[in-house]
Amino acid sequence: MSTDVVIKGPEEPAPTKFADAYTELQAIAAKLKPAPGQIPDVDAIEPLVRRANILAAHCQERVESVRKLIGEQTAG
């Protein structure tokens, strides 16, 4: 994963491309991993979790959309 991924604020819309949303979600997950011996900064974690929720919902919607399309093609 590239280190130049920009993590946007929770007020920003999700990227239109699945790959961009997923990459940002991975960057957030990496940032949320606790550092040994450090107290988590809840003030910094909260906006990351809000953003992650937006991105995860977007990715799930995209996956469900593709599943639906595949289902329509195999049923027809």
Protein backbone atom coordinates (compact mmCIF):
# COMPACT_ATOMS: atom_id res chain seq x y z
CA MET A 1 0.00 0.00 0.00
CA SER A 2 1.26 3.44 -0.87
CA THR A 3 2.14 5.80 1.96
CA ASP A 4 0.81 8.82 0.07
CA VAL A 5 -2.86 7.92 0.55
CA VAL A 6 -4.83 10.96 1.66
CA ILE A 7 -7.33 10.22 4.39
CA LYS A 8 -10.15 12.70 4.03
CA GLY A 9 -12.50 13.95 6.71
CA PRO A 10 -15.81 12.30 7.53
CA GLU A 11 -17.69 15.16 5.89
CA GLU A 12 -16.19 14.35 2.48
CA PRO A 13 -18.09 12.06 0.11
CA ALA A 14 -16.68 8.62 -0.62
CA PRO A 15 -14.56 8.32 -3.77
CA THR A 16 -16.47 7.16 -6.83
CA LYS A 17 -14.01 4.34 -7.54
CA PHE A 18 -14.14 1.27 -5.34
CA ALA A 19 -10.35 0.89 -5.42
CA ASP A 20 -9.84 4.44 -4.13
CA ALA A 21 -12.32 3.96 -1.29
CA TYR A 22 -10.80 0.59 -0.39
CA THR A 23 -7.26 2.00 -0.42
CA GLU A 24 -8.29 4.84 1.88
CA LEU A 25 -10.04 2.34 4.15
CA GLN A 26 -6.84 0.27 4.35
CA ALA A 27 -4.85 3.40 5.23
CA ILE A 28 -7.28 4.15 8.05
CA ALA A 29 -7.03 0.58 9.35
CA ALA A 30 -3.24 0.86 9.40
CA LYS A 31 -3.44 4.18 11.24
CA LEU A 32 -5.81 2.73 13.84
CA LYS A 33 -3.46 -0.09 14.82
CA PRO A 34 -2.37 0.61 18.38
CA ALA A 35 1.24 1.53 18.97
CA PRO A 36 2.83 -0.51 21.75
CA GLY A 37 2.99 1.41 25.00
CA GLN A 38 1.01 4.41 23.76
CA ILE A 39 -2.37 5.62 24.94
CA PRO A 40 -4.78 5.90 21.98
CA ASP A 41 -5.78 9.46 21.09
CA VAL A 42 -9.57 9.21 21.08
CA ASP A 43 -9.88 12.68 19.58
CA ALA A 44 -7.86 11.53 16.56
CA ILE A 45 -9.54 8.14 16.34
CA GLU A 46 -13.14 9.39 16.20
CA PRO A 47 -12.97 11.12 12.78
CA LEU A 48 -11.04 8.15 11.36
CA VAL A 49 -13.74 5.74 12.50
CA ARG A 50 -16.46 8.00 11.07
CA ARG A 51 -14.62 8.14 7.73
CA ALA A 52 -14.05 4.37 7.80
CA ASN A 53 -17.78 3.80 8.30
CA ILE A 54 -18.56 5.95 5.24
CA LEU A 55 -15.97 4.15 3.12
CA ALA A 56 -17.01 0.68 4.31
CA ALA A 57 -20.66 1.40 3.50
CA HIS A 58 -19.67 2.67 0.05
CA CYS A 59 -17.57 -0.43 -0.66
CA GLN A 60 -20.37 -2.70 0.53
CA GLU A 61 -22.87 -0.93 -1.74
CA ARG A 62 -20.56 -1.36 -4.73
CA VAL A 63 -20.04 -5.07 -3.99
CA GLU A 64 -23.80 -5.61 -3.59
CA SER A 65 -24.41 -3.79 -6.87
CA VAL A 66 -22.04 -6.12 -8.69
CA ARG A 67 -23.57 -9.17 -7.01
CA LYS A 68 -27.00 -8.03 -8.14
CA LEU A 69 -25.79 -7.60 -11.72
CA ILE A 70 -24.20 -11.05 -11.70
CA GLY A 71 -27.41 -12.53 -10.29
CA GLU A 72 -29.49 -10.89 -13.00
CA GLN A 73 -27.20 -12.23 -15.72
CA THR A 74 -27.13 -15.78 -14.37
CA ALA A 75 -30.90 -15.81 -13.81
CA GLY A 76 -31.62 -14.61 -17.35
